[in-house]
Amino acid sequence: QVQLVESGGGLVQAGGSLRLSCAASGRTFGSYAMGWFRQAPGKEREFVAAINWSSGNINYADSVKGRFIISREYAKKLVYLQMNSLKPEDTAVYYCAATLSAWSNGSWGQGTQVTVSS
């Protein structure tokens, strides 16, 4: 079982930056995919970015390409989401997830609120 705890959310003005962190614990993560998702009020949860824990392969949603950067700190079992050039439409609860297969079968954190003011 994997436990995930997010931190780093907050209120920021449009154009600003935030860095989210996800602390993972519970087991080794060699084959895991680690991801960030977000859910805005009244909308479905959507994929933001993912990184393979061992290979470092990365994927981004089109809506955040060029603005967000996902990374991992292998030894400390930390995953980051650096969010730059934030827009009001980035406002959402951001969740960290870890999975060996489908995201729906994975482990999820409790979420952290990001609010971008215009």
PDB file of N, CA and C in Angstrom:
ATOM      1  N   GLN A   1       0.853  -1.198   0.000  1.00  0.00           N
ATOM      2  CA  GLN A   1       0.000   0.000   0.000  1.00  0.00           C
ATOM      3  C   GLN A   1       0.882   1.239   0.000  1.00  0.00           C
ATOM      4  N   VAL A   2       0.497   2.206  -0.818  1.00  0.00           N
ATOM      5  CA  VAL A   2       1.239   3.456  -0.933  1.00  0.00           C
ATOM      6  C   VAL A   2       0.438   4.565  -0.262  1.00  0.00           C
ATOM      7  N   GLN A   3       1.114   5.360   0.537  1.00  0.00           N
ATOM      8  CA  GLN A   3       0.484   6.538   1.128  1.00  0.00           C
ATOM      9  C   GLN A   3       1.073   7.778   0.484  1.00  0.00           C
ATOM     10  N   LEU A   4       0.201   8.732   0.186  1.00  0.00           N
ATOM     11  CA  LEU A   4       0.609   9.960  -0.495  1.00  0.00           C
ATOM     12  C   LEU A   4       0.074  11.164   0.265  1.00  0.00           C
ATOM     13  N   VAL A   5       0.929  12.159   0.447  1.00  0.00           N
ATOM     14  CA  VAL A   5       0.518  13.388   1.127  1.00  0.00           C
ATOM     15  C   VAL A   5       0.986  14.576   0.302  1.00  0.00           C
ATOM     16  N   GLU A   6       0.025  15.389  -0.142  1.00  0.00           N
ATOM     17  CA  GLU A   6       0.349  16.573  -0.933  1.00  0.00           C
ATOM     18  C   GLU A   6       0.525  17.792  -0.036  1.00  0.00           C
ATOM     19  N   SER A   7       1.293  18.747  -0.517  1.00  0.00           N
ATOM     20  CA  SER A   7       1.452  20.024   0.157  1.00  0.00           C
ATOM     21  C   SER A   7       1.844  21.069  -0.869  1.00  0.00           C
ATOM     22  N   GLY A   8       1.767  22.343  -0.471  1.00  0.00           N
ATOM     23  CA  GLY A   8       2.236  23.408  -1.334  1.00  0.00           C
ATOM     24  C   GLY A   8       1.161  24.222  -2.019  1.00  0.00           C
ATOM     25  N   GLY A   9      -0.095  23.852  -1.826  1.00  0.00           N
ATOM     26  CA  GLY A   9      -1.164  24.628  -2.440  1.00  0.00           C
ATOM     27  C   GLY A   9      -1.314  25.983  -1.783  1.00  0.00           C
ATOM     28  N   GLY A  10      -2.151  26.830  -2.396  1.00  0.00           N
ATOM     29  CA  GLY A  10      -2.385  28.145  -1.828  1.00  0.00           C
ATOM     30  C   GLY A  10      -3.049  29.064  -2.816  1.00  0.00           C
ATOM     31  N   LEU A  11      -3.015  30.348  -2.483  1.00  0.00           N
ATOM     32  CA  LEU A  11      -3.609  31.400  -3.312  1.00  0.00           C
ATOM     33  C   LEU A  11      -2.498  32.171  -4.002  1.00  0.00           C
ATOM     34  N   VAL A  12      -2.640  32.353  -5.311  1.00  0.00           N
ATOM     35  CA  VAL A  12      -1.622  33.063  -6.074  1.00  0.00           C
ATOM     36  C   VAL A  12      -2.311  33.889  -7.156  1.00  0.00           C
ATOM     37  N   GLN A  13      -1.699  34.978  -7.539  1.00  0.00           N
ATOM     38  CA  GLN A  13      -2.245  35.796  -8.613  1.00  0.00           C
ATOM     39  C   GLN A  13      -1.924  35.180  -9.967  1.00  0.00           C
ATOM     40  N   ALA A  14      -2.737  35.494 -10.932  1.00  0.00           N
ATOM     41  CA  ALA A  14      -2.504  35.023 -12.292  1.00  0.00           C
ATOM     42  C   ALA A  14      -1.104  35.444 -12.750  1.00  0.00           C
ATOM     43  N   GLY A  15      -0.416  34.519 -13.393  1.00  0.00           N
ATOM     44  CA  GLY A  15       0.949  34.762 -13.823  1.00  0.00           C
ATOM     45  C   GLY A  15       1.994  34.307 -12.831  1.00  0.00           C
ATOM     46  N   GLY A  16       1.551  33.987 -11.629  1.00  0.00           N
ATOM     47  CA  GLY A  16       2.468  33.555 -10.588  1.00  0.00           C
ATOM     48  C   GLY A  16       2.809  32.081 -10.665  1.00  0.00           C
ATOM     49  N   SER A  17       3.545  31.624  -9.658  1.00  0.00           N
ATOM     50  CA  SER A  17       4.020  30.234  -9.625  1.00  0.00           C
ATOM     51  C   SER A  17       3.755  29.608  -8.266  1.00  0.00           C
ATOM     52  N   LEU A  18       3.605  28.311  -8.264  1.00  0.00           N
ATOM     53  CA  LEU A  18       3.520  27.504  -7.052  1.00  0.00           C
ATOM     54  C   LEU A  18       4.223  26.189  -7.320  1.00  0.00           C
ATOM     55  N   ARG A  19       4.745  25.584  -6.260  1.00  0.00           N
ATOM     56  CA  ARG A  19       5.295  24.242  -6.387  1.00  0.00           C
ATOM     57  C   ARG A  19       4.577  23.323  -5.407  1.00  0.00           C
ATOM     58  N   LEU A  20       3.959  22.292  -5.956  1.00  0.00           N
ATOM     59  CA  LEU A  20       3.320  21.270  -5.140  1.00  0.00           C
ATOM     60  C   LEU A  20       4.294  20.132  -4.883  1.00  0.00           C
ATOM     61  N   SER A  21       4.174  19.550  -3.709  1.00  0.00           N
ATOM     62  CA  SER A  21       4.983  18.389  -3.357  1.00  0.00           C
ATOM     63  C   SER A  21       4.079  17.226  -2.985  1.00  0.00           C
ATOM     64  N   CYS A  22       4.560  16.034  -3.279  1.00  0.00           N
ATOM     65  CA  CYS A  22       3.853  14.810  -2.915  1.00  0.00           C
ATOM     66  C   CYS A  22       4.858  13.887  -2.242  1.00  0.00           C
ATOM     67  N   ALA A  23       4.628  13.613  -0.970  1.00  0.00           N
ATOM     68  CA  ALA A  23       5.493  12.703  -0.219  1.00  0.00           C
ATOM     69  C   ALA A  23       4.890  11.313  -0.257  1.00  0.00           C
ATOM     70  N   ALA A  24       5.672  10.355  -0.738  1.00  0.00           N
ATOM     71  CA  ALA A  24       5.200   8.982  -0.878  1.00  0.00           C
ATOM     72  C   ALA A  24       5.863   8.087   0.157  1.00  0.00           C
ATOM     73  N   SER A  25       5.115   7.140   0.659  1.00  0.00           N
ATOM     74  CA  SER A  25       5.671   6.202   1.632  1.00  0.00           C
ATOM     75  C   SER A  25       4.927   4.877   1.554  1.00  0.00           C
ATOM     76  N   GLY A  26       5.508   3.858   2.149  1.00  0.00           N
ATOM     77  CA  GLY A  26       4.814   2.582   2.271  1.00  0.00           C
ATOM     78  C   GLY A  26       5.476   1.423   1.560  1.00  0.00           C
ATOM     79  N   ARG A  27       6.197   1.667   0.467  1.00  0.00           N
ATOM     80  CA  ARG A  27       6.838   0.581  -0.251  1.00  0.00           C
ATOM     81  C   ARG A  27       7.797   1.168  -1.274  1.00  0.00           C
ATOM     82  N   THR A  28       8.491   0.290  -1.977  1.00  0.00           N
ATOM     83  CA  THR A  28       9.349   0.768  -3.050  1.00  0.00           C
ATOM     84  C   THR A  28       8.506   1.101  -4.276  1.00  0.00           C
ATOM     85  N   PHE A  29       9.023   1.962  -5.131  1.00  0.00           N
ATOM     86  CA  PHE A  29       8.205   2.508  -6.210  1.00  0.00           C
ATOM     87  C   PHE A  29       8.793   2.255  -7.593  1.00  0.00           C
ATOM     88  N   GLY A  30       9.613   1.233  -7.725  1.00  0.00           N
ATOM     89  CA  GLY A  30      10.365   1.027  -8.954  1.00  0.00           C
ATOM     90  C   GLY A  30       9.562   1.087 -10.220  1.00  0.00           C
ATOM     91  N   SER A  31       8.393   0.467 -10.268  1.00  0.00           N
ATOM     92  CA  SER A  31       7.620   0.395 -11.508  1.00  0.00           C
ATOM     93  C   SER A  31       6.417   1.319 -11.508  1.00  0.00           C
ATOM     94  N   TYR A  32       6.306   2.161 -10.513  1.00  0.00           N
ATOM     95  CA  TYR A  32       5.111   2.997 -10.397  1.00  0.00           C
ATOM     96  C   TYR A  32       5.132   4.166 -11.371  1.00  0.00           C
ATOM     97  N   ALA A  33       3.940   4.537 -11.773  1.00  0.00           N
ATOM     98  CA  ALA A  33       3.714   5.835 -12.395  1.00  0.00           C
ATOM     99  C   ALA A  33       3.185   6.759 -11.307  1.00  0.00           C
ATOM    100  N   MET A  34       3.767   7.942 -11.231  1.00  0.00           N
ATOM    101  CA  MET A  34       3.335   8.941 -10.260  1.00  0.00           C
ATOM    102  C   MET A  34       2.700  10.085 -11.032  1.00  0.00           C
ATOM    103  N   GLY A  35       1.536  10.513 -10.597  1.00  0.00           N
ATOM    104  CA  GLY A  35       0.841  11.516 -11.374  1.00  0.00           C
ATOM    105  C   GLY A  35       0.208  12.616 -10.551  1.00  0.00           C
ATOM    106  N   TRP A  36      -0.116  13.687 -11.245  1.00  0.00           N
ATOM    107  CA  TRP A  36      -0.891  14.780 -10.666  1.00  0.00           C
ATOM    108  C   TRP A  36      -2.188  14.926 -11.463  1.00  0.00           C
ATOM    109  N   PHE A  37      -3.268  15.059 -10.739  1.00  0.00           N
ATOM    110  CA  PHE A  37      -4.585  15.286 -11.310  1.00  0.00           C
ATOM    111  C   PHE A  37      -5.172  16.508 -10.630  1.00  0.00           C
ATOM    112  N   ARG A  38      -6.237  17.048 -11.221  1.00  0.00           N
ATOM    113  CA  ARG A  38      -6.907  18.175 -10.580  1.00  0.00           C
ATOM    114  C   ARG A  38      -8.408  18.099 -10.825  1.00  0.00           C
ATOM    115  N   GLN A  39      -9.137  18.700  -9.899  1.00  0.00           N
ATOM    116  CA  GLN A  39     -10.587  18.734 -10.016  1.00  0.00           C
ATOM    117  C   GLN A  39     -11.082  20.108  -9.622  1.00  0.00           C
ATOM    118  N   ALA A  40     -11.683  20.794 -10.572  1.00  0.00           N
ATOM    119  CA  ALA A  40     -12.269  22.106 -10.328  1.00  0.00           C
ATOM    120  C   ALA A  40     -13.729  21.926  -9.912  1.00  0.00           C
ATOM    121  N   PRO A  41     -14.299  22.907  -9.231  1.00  0.00           N
ATOM    122  CA  PRO A  41     -15.693  22.804  -8.796  1.00  0.00           C
ATOM    123  C   PRO A  41     -16.628  22.542  -9.971  1.00  0.00           C
ATOM    124  N   GLY A  42     -17.456  21.530  -9.826  1.00  0.00           N
ATOM    125  CA  GLY A  42     -18.435  21.209 -10.849  1.00  0.00           C
ATOM    126  C   GLY A  42     -17.875  20.480 -12.054  1.00  0.00           C
ATOM    127  N   LYS A  43     -16.596  20.116 -12.014  1.00  0.00           N
ATOM    128  CA  LYS A  43     -15.979  19.433 -13.148  1.00  0.00           C
ATOM    129  C   LYS A  43     -15.423  18.090 -12.717  1.00  0.00           C
ATOM    130  N   GLU A  44     -15.153  17.242 -13.708  1.00  0.00           N
ATOM    131  CA  GLU A  44     -14.568  15.946 -13.426  1.00  0.00           C
ATOM    132  C   GLU A  44     -13.072  16.088 -13.164  1.00  0.00           C
ATOM    133  N   ARG A  45     -12.543  15.118 -12.450  1.00  0.00           N
ATOM    134  CA  ARG A  45     -11.104  15.098 -12.207  1.00  0.00           C
ATOM    135  C   ARG A  45     -10.394  14.895 -13.537  1.00  0.00           C
ATOM    136  N   GLU A  46      -9.312  15.645 -13.762  1.00  0.00           N
ATOM    137  CA  GLU A  46      -8.591  15.537 -15.018  1.00  0.00           C
ATOM    138  C   GLU A  46      -7.087  15.326 -14.783  1.00  0.00           C
ATOM    139  N   PHE A  47      -6.484  14.653 -15.735  1.00  0.00           N
ATOM    140  CA  PHE A  47      -5.056  14.389 -15.708  1.00  0.00           C
ATOM    141  C   PHE A  47      -4.281  15.675 -15.946  1.00  0.00           C
ATOM    142  N   VAL A  48      -3.189  15.837 -15.212  1.00  0.00           N
ATOM    143  CA  VAL A  48      -2.315  16.996 -15.376  1.00  0.00           C
ATOM    144  C   VAL A  48      -0.945  16.566 -15.892  1.00  0.00           C
ATOM    145  N   ALA A  49      -0.292  15.671 -15.174  1.00  0.00           N
ATOM    146  CA  ALA A  49       1.058  15.252 -15.543  1.00  0.00           C
ATOM    147  C   ALA A  49       1.381  13.944 -14.848  1.00  0.00           C
ATOM    148  N   ALA A  50       2.322  13.192 -15.425  1.00  0.00           N
ATOM    149  CA  ALA A  50       2.755  11.939 -14.817  1.00  0.00           C
ATOM    150  C   ALA A  50       4.211  11.692 -15.133  1.00  0.00           C
ATOM    151  N   ILE A  51       4.859  10.953 -14.236  1.00  0.00           N
ATOM    152  CA  ILE A  51       6.259  10.590 -14.409  1.00  0.00           C
ATOM    153  C   ILE A  51       6.434   9.147 -13.961  1.00  0.00           C
ATOM    154  N   ASN A  52       7.209   8.381 -14.725  1.00  0.00           N
ATOM    155  CA  ASN A  52       7.529   7.017 -14.312  1.00  0.00           C
ATOM    156  C   ASN A  52       8.645   7.068 -13.291  1.00  0.00           C
ATOM    157  N   TRP A  53       8.410   6.380 -12.166  1.00  0.00           N
ATOM    158  CA  TRP A  53       9.340   6.537 -11.050  1.00  0.00           C
ATOM    159  C   TRP A  53      10.759   6.099 -11.414  1.00  0.00           C
ATOM    160  N   SER A  54      10.900   5.013 -12.166  1.00  0.00           N
ATOM    161  CA  SER A  54      12.243   4.497 -12.459  1.00  0.00           C
ATOM    162  C   SER A  54      12.824   5.087 -13.730  1.00  0.00           C
ATOM    163  N   SER A  55      12.039   5.166 -14.806  1.00  0.00           N
ATOM    164  CA  SER A  55      12.592   5.628 -16.083  1.00  0.00           C
ATOM    165  C   SER A  55      12.630   7.141 -16.197  1.00  0.00           C
ATOM    166  N   GLY A  56      11.727   7.816 -15.477  1.00  0.00           N
ATOM    167  CA  GLY A  56      11.650   9.265 -15.590  1.00  0.00           C
ATOM    168  C   GLY A  56      10.858   9.756 -16.785  1.00  0.00           C
ATOM    169  N   ASN A  57      10.258   8.844 -17.547  1.00  0.00           N
ATOM    170  CA  ASN A  57       9.421   9.266 -18.678  1.00  0.00           C
ATOM    171  C   ASN A  57       8.267  10.126 -18.181  1.00  0.00           C
ATOM    172  N   ILE A  58       7.968  11.182 -18.930  1.00  0.00           N
ATOM    173  CA  ILE A  58       7.009  12.196 -18.499  1.00  0.00           C
ATOM    174  C   ILE A  58       5.929  12.417 -19.544  1.00  0.00           C
ATOM    175  N   ASN A  59       4.725  12.675 -19.058  1.00  0.00           N
ATOM    176  CA  ASN A  59       3.620  13.075 -19.913  1.00  0.00           C
ATOM    177  C   ASN A  59       2.900  14.259 -19.281  1.00  0.00           C
ATOM    178  N   TYR A  60       2.391  15.137 -20.139  1.00  0.00           N
ATOM    179  CA  TYR A  60       1.642  16.306 -19.687  1.00  0.00           C
ATOM    180  C   TYR A  60       0.316  16.408 -20.432  1.00  0.00           C
ATOM    181  N   ALA A  61      -0.670  16.972 -19.759  1.00  0.00           N
ATOM    182  CA  ALA A  61      -1.882  17.371 -20.443  1.00  0.00           C
ATOM    183  C   ALA A  61      -1.558  18.569 -21.329  1.00  0.00           C
ATOM    184  N   ASP A  62      -2.254  18.666 -22.455  1.00  0.00           N
ATOM    185  CA  ASP A  62      -1.985  19.780 -23.369  1.00  0.00           C
ATOM    186  C   ASP A  62      -2.182  21.133 -22.698  1.00  0.00           C
ATOM    187  N   SER A  63      -3.114  21.185 -21.769  1.00  0.00           N
ATOM    188  CA  SER A  63      -3.458  22.458 -21.132  1.00  0.00           C
ATOM    189  C   SER A  63      -2.344  23.012 -20.249  1.00  0.00           C
ATOM    190  N   VAL A  64      -1.382  22.178 -19.875  1.00  0.00           N
ATOM    191  CA  VAL A  64      -0.316  22.641 -18.980  1.00  0.00           C
ATOM    192  C   VAL A  64       1.071  22.545 -19.605  1.00  0.00           C
ATOM    193  N   LYS A  65       1.173  22.000 -20.809  1.00  0.00           N
ATOM    194  CA  LYS A  65       2.479  21.885 -21.463  1.00  0.00           C
ATOM    195  C   LYS A  65       3.128  23.250 -21.608  1.00  0.00           C
ATOM    196  N   GLY A  66       4.408  23.303 -21.264  1.00  0.00           N
ATOM    197  CA  GLY A  66       5.143  24.552 -21.357  1.00  0.00           C
ATOM    198  C   GLY A  66       5.006  25.440 -20.134  1.00  0.00           C
ATOM    199  N   ARG A  67       4.097  25.092 -19.228  1.00  0.00           N
ATOM    200  CA  ARG A  67       3.912  25.883 -18.016  1.00  0.00           C
ATOM    201  C   ARG A  67       4.205  25.086 -16.749  1.00  0.00           C
ATOM    202  N   PHE A  68       3.860  23.819 -16.730  1.00  0.00           N
ATOM    203  CA  PHE A  68       4.056  22.967 -15.550  1.00  0.00           C
ATOM    204  C   PHE A  68       5.213  22.003 -15.796  1.00  0.00           C
ATOM    205  N   ILE A  69       5.898  21.676 -14.714  1.00  0.00           N
ATOM    206  CA  ILE A  69       7.001  20.710 -14.780  1.00  0.00           C
ATOM    207  C   ILE A  69       6.849  19.713 -13.651  1.00  0.00           C
ATOM    208  N   ILE A  70       6.807  18.433 -14.005  1.00  0.00           N
ATOM    209  CA  ILE A  70       6.768  17.375 -13.004  1.00  0.00           C
ATOM    210  C   ILE A  70       8.173  16.810 -12.846  1.00  0.00           C
ATOM    211  N   SER A  71       8.530  16.508 -11.613  1.00  0.00           N
ATOM    212  CA  SER A  71       9.850  15.946 -11.355  1.00  0.00           C
ATOM    213  C   SER A  71       9.776  15.065 -10.112  1.00  0.00           C
ATOM    214  N   ARG A  72      10.835  14.311  -9.886  1.00  0.00           N
ATOM    215  CA  ARG A  72      10.868  13.460  -8.694  1.00  0.00           C
ATOM    216  C   ARG A  72      12.224  13.544  -8.045  1.00  0.00           C
ATOM    217  N   GLU A  73      12.222  13.359  -6.756  1.00  0.00           N
ATOM    218  CA  GLU A  73      13.455  13.273  -5.981  1.00  0.00           C
ATOM    219  C   GLU A  73      13.513  11.846  -5.460  1.00  0.00           C
ATOM    220  N   TYR A  74      14.271  11.038  -6.160  1.00  0.00           N
ATOM    221  CA  TYR A  74      14.214   9.589  -6.007  1.00  0.00           C
ATOM    222  C   TYR A  74      14.475   9.142  -4.567  1.00  0.00           C
ATOM    223  N   ALA A  75      15.564   9.617  -3.992  1.00  0.00           N
ATOM    224  CA  ALA A  75      15.981   9.141  -2.669  1.00  0.00           C
ATOM    225  C   ALA A  75      14.986   9.522  -1.582  1.00  0.00           C
ATOM    226  N   LYS A  76      14.342  10.676  -1.739  1.00  0.00           N
ATOM    227  CA  LYS A  76      13.425  11.160  -0.711  1.00  0.00           C
ATOM    228  C   LYS A  76      11.977  10.765  -0.990  1.00  0.00           C
ATOM    229  N   LYS A  77      11.734  10.072  -2.087  1.00  0.00           N
ATOM    230  CA  LYS A  77      10.379   9.652  -2.456  1.00  0.00           C
ATOM    231  C   LYS A  77       9.439  10.853  -2.531  1.00  0.00           C
ATOM    232  N   LEU A  78       9.876  11.879  -3.207  1.00  0.00           N
ATOM    233  CA  LEU A  78       9.089  13.073  -3.395  1.00  0.00           C
ATOM    234  C   LEU A  78       8.816  13.293  -4.882  1.00  0.00           C
ATOM    235  N   VAL A  79       7.614  13.734  -5.181  1.00  0.00           N
ATOM    236  CA  VAL A  79       7.245  14.125  -6.535  1.00  0.00           C
ATOM    237  C   VAL A  79       6.785  15.576  -6.474  1.00  0.00           C
ATOM    238  N   TYR A  80       7.243  16.370  -7.424  1.00  0.00           N
ATOM    239  CA  TYR A  80       6.927  17.788  -7.445  1.00  0.00           C
ATOM    240  C   TYR A  80       6.117  18.146  -8.686  1.00  0.00           C
ATOM    241  N   LEU A  81       5.344  19.200  -8.555  1.00  0.00           N
ATOM    242  CA  LEU A  81       4.703  19.813  -9.707  1.00  0.00           C
ATOM    243  C   LEU A  81       4.973  21.310  -9.625  1.00  0.00           C
ATOM    244  N   GLN A  82       5.898  21.765 -10.452  1.00  0.00           N
ATOM    245  CA  GLN A  82       6.197  23.184 -10.529  1.00  0.00           C
ATOM    246  C   GLN A  82       5.208  23.812 -11.505  1.00  0.00           C
ATOM    247  N   MET A  83       4.445  24.769 -11.024  1.00  0.00           N
ATOM    248  CA  MET A  83       3.400  25.380 -11.839  1.00  0.00           C
ATOM    249  C   MET A  83       3.751  26.846 -12.066  1.00  0.00           C
ATOM    250  N   ASN A  84       3.985  27.195 -13.316  1.00  0.00           N
ATOM    251  CA  ASN A  84       4.351  28.557 -13.696  1.00  0.00           C
ATOM    252  C   ASN A  84       3.276  29.169 -14.577  1.00  0.00           C
ATOM    253  N   SER A  85       3.319  30.479 -14.708  1.00  0.00           N
ATOM    254  CA  SER A  85       2.349  31.200 -15.551  1.00  0.00           C
ATOM    255  C   SER A  85       0.924  30.743 -15.256  1.00  0.00           C
ATOM    256  N   LEU A  86       0.594  30.702 -13.992  1.00  0.00           N
ATOM    257  CA  LEU A  86      -0.711  30.193 -13.589  1.00  0.00           C
ATOM    258  C   LEU A  86      -1.845  31.069 -14.089  1.00  0.00           C
ATOM    259  N   LYS A  87      -2.952  30.411 -14.415  1.00  0.00           N
ATOM    260  CA  LYS A  87      -4.141  31.077 -14.926  1.00  0.00           C
ATOM    261  C   LYS A  87      -5.319  30.800 -13.985  1.00  0.00           C
ATOM    262  N   PRO A  88      -6.324  31.654 -13.991  1.00  0.00           N
ATOM    263  CA  PRO A  88      -7.498  31.374 -13.143  1.00  0.00           C
ATOM    264  C   PRO A  88      -8.114  30.007 -13.415  1.00  0.00           C
ATOM    265  N   GLU A  89      -8.027  29.534 -14.632  1.00  0.00           N
ATOM    266  CA  GLU A  89      -8.605  28.223 -14.956  1.00  0.00           C
ATOM    267  C   GLU A  89      -7.785  27.062 -14.398  1.00  0.00           C
ATOM    268  N   ASP A  90      -6.640  27.342 -13.816  1.00  0.00           N
ATOM    269  CA  ASP A  90      -5.873  26.303 -13.122  1.00  0.00           C
ATOM    270  C   ASP A  90      -6.381  26.082 -11.699  1.00  0.00           C
ATOM    271  N   THR A  91      -7.303  26.907 -11.260  1.00  0.00           N
ATOM    272  CA  THR A  91      -7.866  26.762  -9.918  1.00  0.00           C
ATOM    273  C   THR A  91      -8.559  25.413  -9.779  1.00  0.00           C
ATOM    274  N   ALA A  92      -8.144  24.656  -8.769  1.00  0.00           N
ATOM    275  CA  ALA A  92      -8.678  23.311  -8.561  1.00  0.00           C
ATOM    276  C   ALA A  92      -8.057  22.716  -7.309  1.00  0.00           C
ATOM    277  N   VAL A  93      -8.597  21.581  -6.899  1.00  0.00           N
ATOM    278  CA  VAL A  93      -7.918  20.746  -5.917  1.00  0.00           C
ATOM    279  C   VAL A  93      -6.990  19.816  -6.700  1.00  0.00           C
ATOM    280  N   TYR A  94      -5.738  19.805  -6.312  1.00  0.00           N
ATOM    281  CA  TYR A  94      -4.740  19.001  -6.996  1.00  0.00           C
ATOM    282  C   TYR A  94      -4.438  17.754  -6.175  1.00  0.00           C
ATOM    283  N   TYR A  95      -4.452  16.609  -6.867  1.00  0.00           N
ATOM    284  CA  TYR A  95      -4.240  15.320  -6.219  1.00  0.00           C
ATOM    285  C   TYR A  95      -3.000  14.635  -6.773  1.00  0.00           C
ATOM    286  N   CYS A  96      -2.291  14.001  -5.890  1.00  0.00           N
ATOM    287  CA  CYS A  96      -1.173  13.137  -6.264  1.00  0.00           C
ATOM    288  C   CYS A  96      -1.677  11.699  -6.308  1.00  0.00           C
ATOM    289  N   ALA A  97      -1.173  10.920  -7.271  1.00  0.00           N
ATOM    290  CA  ALA A  97      -1.595   9.533  -7.403  1.00  0.00           C
ATOM    291  C   ALA A  97      -0.416   8.662  -7.774  1.00  0.00           C
ATOM    292  N   ALA A  98      -0.526   7.387  -7.422  1.00  0.00           N
ATOM    293  CA  ALA A  98       0.517   6.411  -7.752  1.00  0.00           C
ATOM    294  C   ALA A  98      -0.153   5.119  -8.190  1.00  0.00           C
ATOM    295  N   THR A  99       0.350   4.525  -9.261  1.00  0.00           N
ATOM    296  CA  THR A  99      -0.273   3.304  -9.746  1.00  0.00           C
ATOM    297  C   THR A  99       0.709   2.422 -10.509  1.00  0.00           C
ATOM    298  N   LEU A 100       0.415   1.117 -10.512  1.00  0.00           N
ATOM    299  CA  LEU A 100       1.149   0.162 -11.335  1.00  0.00           C
ATOM    300  C   LEU A 100       0.384  -0.150 -12.616  1.00  0.00           C
ATOM    301  N   SER A 101      -0.883   0.280 -12.668  1.00  0.00           N
ATOM    302  CA  SER A 101      -1.695  -0.028 -13.845  1.00  0.00           C
ATOM    303  C   SER A 101      -2.584   1.177 -14.146  1.00  0.00           C
ATOM    304  N   ALA A 102      -3.892   0.999 -14.017  1.00  0.00           N
ATOM    305  CA  ALA A 102      -4.814   2.109 -14.251  1.00  0.00           C
ATOM    306  C   ALA A 102      -4.836   3.032 -13.050  1.00  0.00           C
ATOM    307  N   TRP A 103      -5.040   4.324 -13.323  1.00  0.00           N
ATOM    308  CA  TRP A 103      -5.083   5.293 -12.224  1.00  0.00           C
ATOM    309  C   TRP A 103      -6.219   4.970 -11.261  1.00  0.00           C
ATOM    310  N   SER A 104      -7.304   4.446 -11.784  1.00  0.00           N
ATOM    311  CA  SER A 104      -8.446   4.122 -10.930  1.00  0.00           C
ATOM    312  C   SER A 104      -8.116   3.027  -9.927  1.00  0.00           C
ATOM    313  N   ASN A 105      -7.072   2.264 -10.191  1.00  0.00           N
ATOM    314  CA  ASN A 105      -6.648   1.201  -9.271  1.00  0.00           C
ATOM    315  C   ASN A 105      -5.539   1.641  -8.335  1.00  0.00           C
ATOM    316  N   GLY A 106      -5.144   2.892  -8.442  1.00  0.00           N
ATOM    317  CA  GLY A 106      -3.983   3.355  -7.694  1.00  0.00           C
ATOM    318  C   GLY A 106      -4.311   3.946  -6.338  1.00  0.00           C
ATOM    319  N   SER A 107      -3.295   4.530  -5.738  1.00  0.00           N
ATOM    320  CA  SER A 107      -3.415   5.216  -4.457  1.00  0.00           C
ATOM    321  C   SER A 107      -3.491   6.718  -4.712  1.00  0.00           C
ATOM    322  N   TRP A 108      -4.245   7.408  -3.860  1.00  0.00           N
ATOM    323  CA  TRP A 108      -4.467   8.842  -4.037  1.00  0.00           C
ATOM    324  C   TRP A 108      -4.223   9.580  -2.725  1.00  0.00           C
ATOM    325  N   GLY A 109      -3.729  10.802  -2.863  1.00  0.00           N
ATOM    326  CA  GLY A 109      -3.602  11.658  -1.702  1.00  0.00           C
ATOM    327  C   GLY A 109      -4.905  12.357  -1.394  1.00  0.00           C
ATOM    328  N   GLN A 110      -4.872  13.213  -0.386  1.00  0.00           N
ATOM    329  CA  GLN A 110      -6.084  13.881   0.062  1.00  0.00           C
ATOM    330  C   GLN A 110      -6.368  15.152  -0.725  1.00  0.00           C
ATOM    331  N   GLY A 111      -5.399  15.626  -1.463  1.00  0.00           N
ATOM    332  CA  GLY A 111      -5.575  16.810  -2.283  1.00  0.00           C
ATOM    333  C   GLY A 111      -5.117  18.088  -1.608  1.00  0.00           C
ATOM    334  N   THR A 112      -4.741  19.061  -2.433  1.00  0.00           N
ATOM    335  CA  THR A 112      -4.346  20.366  -1.935  1.00  0.00           C
ATOM    336  C   THR A 112      -4.962  21.434  -2.850  1.00  0.00           C
ATOM    337  N   GLN A 113      -5.508  22.475  -2.249  1.00  0.00           N
ATOM    338  CA  GLN A 113      -6.231  23.489  -3.004  1.00  0.00           C
ATOM    339  C   GLN A 113      -5.265  24.496  -3.620  1.00  0.00           C
ATOM    340  N   VAL A 114      -5.467  24.758  -4.908  1.00  0.00           N
ATOM    341  CA  VAL A 114      -4.747  25.819  -5.613  1.00  0.00           C
ATOM    342  C   VAL A 114      -5.793  26.802  -6.141  1.00  0.00           C
ATOM    343  N   THR A 115      -5.640  28.064  -5.767  1.00  0.00           N
ATOM    344  CA  THR A 115      -6.552  29.098  -6.223  1.00  0.00           C
ATOM    345  C   THR A 115      -5.752  30.195  -6.904  1.00  0.00           C
ATOM    346  N   VAL A 116      -6.127  30.496  -8.150  1.00  0.00           N
ATOM    347  CA  VAL A 116      -5.445  31.518  -8.932  1.00  0.00           C
ATOM    348  C   VAL A 116      -6.414  32.668  -9.151  1.00  0.00           C
ATOM    349  N   SER A 117      -6.066  33.824  -8.640  1.00  0.00           N
ATOM    350  CA  SER A 117      -6.934  34.996  -8.764  1.00  0.00           C
ATOM    351  C   SER A 117      -6.566  35.798 -10.009  1.00  0.00           C
ATOM    352  N   SER A 118      -7.569  36.419 -10.596  1.00  0.00           N
ATOM    353  CA  SER A 118      -7.329  37.195 -11.825  1.00  0.00           C
ATOM    354  C   SER A 118      -6.999  38.646 -11.508  1.00  0.00           C
TER     355      SER A 118
END
